[in-house]
N, C-alpha and C. Protein backbone atom coordinates (compact mmCIF):
# COMPACT_ATOMS: atom_id res chain seq x y z
N MET A 1 87.45 169.55 94.63
CA MET A 1 87.23 170.22 95.82
C MET A 1 88.04 170.03 97.28
N ASN A 2 88.15 168.50 97.16
CA ASN A 2 88.72 167.93 98.40
C ASN A 2 90.20 168.25 98.58
N LYS A 3 91.06 168.73 97.12
CA LYS A 3 92.33 169.05 97.03
C LYS A 3 92.71 170.32 97.79
N TRP A 4 91.70 171.03 97.38
CA TRP A 4 92.00 172.73 98.11
C TRP A 4 91.73 172.53 99.52
N MET A 5 90.78 171.99 99.92
CA MET A 5 90.63 171.70 101.44
C MET A 5 91.87 170.92 101.86
N ALA A 6 92.35 170.05 101.42
CA ALA A 6 93.67 169.49 102.27
C ALA A 6 94.76 170.67 102.05
N CYS A 7 94.93 171.39 100.94
CA CYS A 7 95.92 172.32 100.83
C CYS A 7 95.70 173.30 101.90
N ALA A 8 94.67 173.81 102.07
CA ALA A 8 94.08 174.70 103.04
C ALA A 8 94.58 174.07 104.52
N ALA A 9 94.09 173.12 104.75
CA ALA A 9 94.29 172.32 105.89
C ALA A 9 95.82 172.43 106.43
N ALA A 10 96.55 171.86 105.55
CA ALA A 10 98.11 171.74 105.25
C ALA A 10 98.63 173.13 105.74
N LEU A 11 97.97 174.13 104.98
CA LEU A 11 98.53 175.21 105.25
C LEU A 11 98.33 176.00 106.58
N CYS A 12 97.15 175.72 107.24
CA CYS A 12 96.46 176.16 108.57
C CYS A 12 97.53 175.27 109.68
N LEU A 13 98.18 174.06 109.21
CA LEU A 13 98.59 173.38 110.29
C LEU A 13 100.12 173.91 110.33
N SER A 14 100.52 174.07 109.21
CA SER A 14 102.06 174.56 109.05
C SER A 14 102.20 175.89 110.04
N ALA A 15 101.02 176.88 109.48
CA ALA A 15 101.29 178.39 109.87
C ALA A 15 101.14 178.02 111.56
N ALA A 16 99.97 177.08 112.11
CA ALA A 16 100.09 176.87 113.36
C ALA A 16 101.50 176.26 114.45
N MET A 17 102.14 175.66 113.31
CA MET A 17 103.29 175.06 113.89
C MET A 17 104.51 176.31 114.00
N LEU A 18 104.26 176.80 112.99
CA LEU A 18 105.28 177.87 112.90
C LEU A 18 105.24 178.91 114.11
N LEU A 19 103.74 179.45 114.38
CA LEU A 19 103.57 180.34 114.98
C LEU A 19 103.79 180.00 116.66
N SER A 20 103.43 178.71 116.82
CA SER A 20 103.70 178.08 118.29
C SER A 20 105.24 177.80 118.47
N GLY A 21 105.88 177.85 117.87
CA GLY A 21 107.45 177.74 118.05
C GLY A 21 107.90 176.17 117.72
N CYS A 22 107.12 175.31 117.03
CA CYS A 22 107.43 174.03 116.84
C CYS A 22 108.64 173.77 115.62
N GLY A 23 109.61 173.59 116.04
CA GLY A 23 110.62 173.16 115.19
C GLY A 23 111.81 174.56 115.16
N SER A 24 111.62 175.48 116.13
CA SER A 24 112.44 176.30 116.55
C SER A 24 113.60 175.65 117.47
N ARG A 25 114.60 176.25 117.62
CA ARG A 25 115.75 175.70 118.45
C ARG A 25 115.17 175.97 119.90
N PRO A 26 115.53 175.42 120.86
CA PRO A 26 115.41 175.60 122.27
C PRO A 26 116.29 176.72 122.63
N SER A 27 115.66 177.32 123.78
CA SER A 27 116.18 178.77 124.23
C SER A 27 117.01 178.43 125.58
N VAL A 28 116.99 177.25 126.04
CA VAL A 28 118.02 176.68 127.08
C VAL A 28 119.29 176.57 126.64
N HIS A 29 120.41 177.24 127.56
CA HIS A 29 121.80 176.98 127.45
C HIS A 29 122.54 175.82 128.30
N VAL A 30 123.12 174.71 128.04
CA VAL A 30 123.58 173.75 129.14
C VAL A 30 125.06 173.90 129.19
N MET A 31 125.71 174.18 130.32
CA MET A 31 127.19 174.17 130.39
C MET A 31 127.40 172.99 131.21
N LYS A 32 128.82 172.39 131.01
CA LYS A 32 129.07 171.28 131.56
C LYS A 32 129.46 171.70 133.08
N ALA A 33 129.44 170.81 134.16
CA ALA A 33 129.81 171.14 135.46
C ALA A 33 131.30 170.92 135.73
N GLN A 34 131.88 171.96 136.45
CA GLN A 34 133.46 171.97 136.64
C GLN A 34 133.62 171.69 138.15
N GLN A 35 134.56 170.93 138.52
CA GLN A 35 134.80 170.91 139.92
C GLN A 35 135.77 172.09 140.09
N SER A 36 135.35 172.86 141.49
CA SER A 36 136.15 174.23 141.97
C SER A 36 136.96 173.64 143.17
N ARG A 37 137.78 174.55 143.17
CA ARG A 37 138.52 174.19 144.48
C ARG A 37 138.34 175.48 145.77
N GLU A 38 137.62 176.27 145.64
CA GLU A 38 136.99 177.17 146.61
C GLU A 38 136.27 176.41 147.58
N PRO A 39 136.74 176.91 148.81
CA PRO A 39 135.93 176.26 150.04
C PRO A 39 134.40 176.52 150.04
N PHE A 40 134.00 175.63 150.50
CA PHE A 40 132.58 175.59 151.02
C PHE A 40 132.17 176.62 152.17
N THR A 41 131.08 177.45 151.94
CA THR A 41 130.71 177.99 153.31
C THR A 41 129.38 178.04 153.18
N LEU A 42 128.57 177.96 154.63
CA LEU A 42 127.50 177.79 154.75
C LEU A 42 127.04 178.83 155.97
N GLU A 43 126.21 179.89 155.76
CA GLU A 43 125.81 181.10 156.27
C GLU A 43 124.29 180.63 157.01
N THR A 44 124.29 180.34 158.09
CA THR A 44 122.80 180.19 158.63
C THR A 44 122.18 181.77 159.12
N LYS A 45 122.83 182.61 159.42
CA LYS A 45 122.29 183.61 159.98
C LYS A 45 122.07 184.63 158.45
N ALA A 46 121.15 185.18 158.15
CA ALA A 46 121.03 186.43 157.05
C ALA A 46 120.36 187.57 157.61
N ALA A 47 121.08 188.51 157.59
CA ALA A 47 120.37 189.90 158.08
C ALA A 47 119.34 190.66 156.94
N PRO A 48 118.12 190.88 157.28
CA PRO A 48 117.45 191.47 156.16
C PRO A 48 117.78 192.49 155.59
N GLU A 49 118.37 193.22 154.55
CA GLU A 49 118.28 194.45 154.19
C GLU A 49 117.57 194.94 152.88
N ALA A 50 117.17 196.09 152.94
CA ALA A 50 116.32 196.72 151.79
C ALA A 50 117.19 196.87 150.90
N LEU A 51 116.17 196.59 149.39
CA LEU A 51 116.87 196.82 148.21
C LEU A 51 116.53 198.09 147.74
N HIS A 52 115.60 198.91 148.01
CA HIS A 52 115.39 199.93 147.79
C HIS A 52 115.01 200.88 149.12
N THR A 53 115.17 201.92 149.18
CA THR A 53 115.06 203.05 150.28
C THR A 53 114.55 204.16 149.70
N ALA A 54 113.70 204.94 150.09
CA ALA A 54 113.10 206.14 149.79
C ALA A 54 112.47 206.94 151.01
N PRO A 55 112.84 208.30 151.22
CA PRO A 55 112.48 208.83 152.24
C PRO A 55 110.60 209.08 152.15
N VAL A 56 109.92 208.65 153.24
CA VAL A 56 108.77 209.02 153.60
C VAL A 56 108.27 210.57 153.83
N ILE A 57 107.74 211.12 153.07
CA ILE A 57 107.55 212.87 153.31
C ILE A 57 106.00 212.44 153.52
N PRO A 58 105.25 213.13 154.72
CA PRO A 58 104.00 212.96 154.73
C PRO A 58 103.68 214.43 154.19
N GLN A 59 102.34 214.35 153.81
CA GLN A 59 101.83 215.28 153.14
C GLN A 59 99.92 215.46 153.69
N VAL A 60 99.57 216.48 153.91
CA VAL A 60 98.20 216.73 154.24
C VAL A 60 97.55 217.57 153.66
N SER A 61 96.37 217.05 152.95
CA SER A 61 95.43 217.73 152.38
C SER A 61 94.26 218.42 153.06
N GLY A 62 94.08 219.83 152.77
CA GLY A 62 93.03 220.39 153.51
C GLY A 62 93.76 221.46 154.47
N ASN A 63 92.95 221.84 155.11
CA ASN A 63 93.44 223.09 156.11
C ASN A 63 93.47 222.01 157.52
N LEU A 64 94.54 222.97 158.07
CA LEU A 64 95.13 222.47 159.64
C LEU A 64 94.32 222.61 160.68
N ILE A 65 93.99 221.74 161.59
CA ILE A 65 92.89 222.05 162.59
C ILE A 65 93.69 222.49 163.84
N SER A 66 94.83 222.43 163.85
CA SER A 66 95.60 222.64 165.25
C SER A 66 97.25 223.14 164.62
N THR A 67 97.91 223.64 165.62
CA THR A 67 99.18 224.24 165.26
C THR A 67 100.06 223.10 164.68
N PRO A 68 100.91 223.23 163.73
CA PRO A 68 101.97 222.41 163.26
C PRO A 68 102.82 221.72 164.47
N PRO A 69 103.48 220.76 164.37
CA PRO A 69 104.24 220.09 165.69
C PRO A 69 105.74 220.86 165.47
N ASP A 70 106.43 220.81 166.56
CA ASP A 70 107.90 221.47 166.35
C ASP A 70 108.68 220.61 165.21
N GLY A 71 109.57 221.20 164.66
CA GLY A 71 110.38 221.02 163.74
C GLY A 71 109.23 220.70 162.27
N ALA A 72 108.45 221.13 162.14
CA ALA A 72 107.53 221.05 161.03
C ALA A 72 108.05 222.11 159.88
N PRO A 73 108.15 221.85 159.05
CA PRO A 73 108.55 223.18 157.82
C PRO A 73 107.27 224.02 157.73
């Protein structure tokens, strides 16, 4: 009976190692540094810019209690 338990434990241990990624190749790629002749530039001022813009269209639910403002559709 001890032989079957040792076999089951070894199977569980190897399955846990395989599923956790032990023994797999690392996913990090390393490249060698090279010297560059490009001039060094340092910008101290940064203008904030929006990455995404979308129009804001206000909507009203329910009835209007006053007249719509000028320029309203």
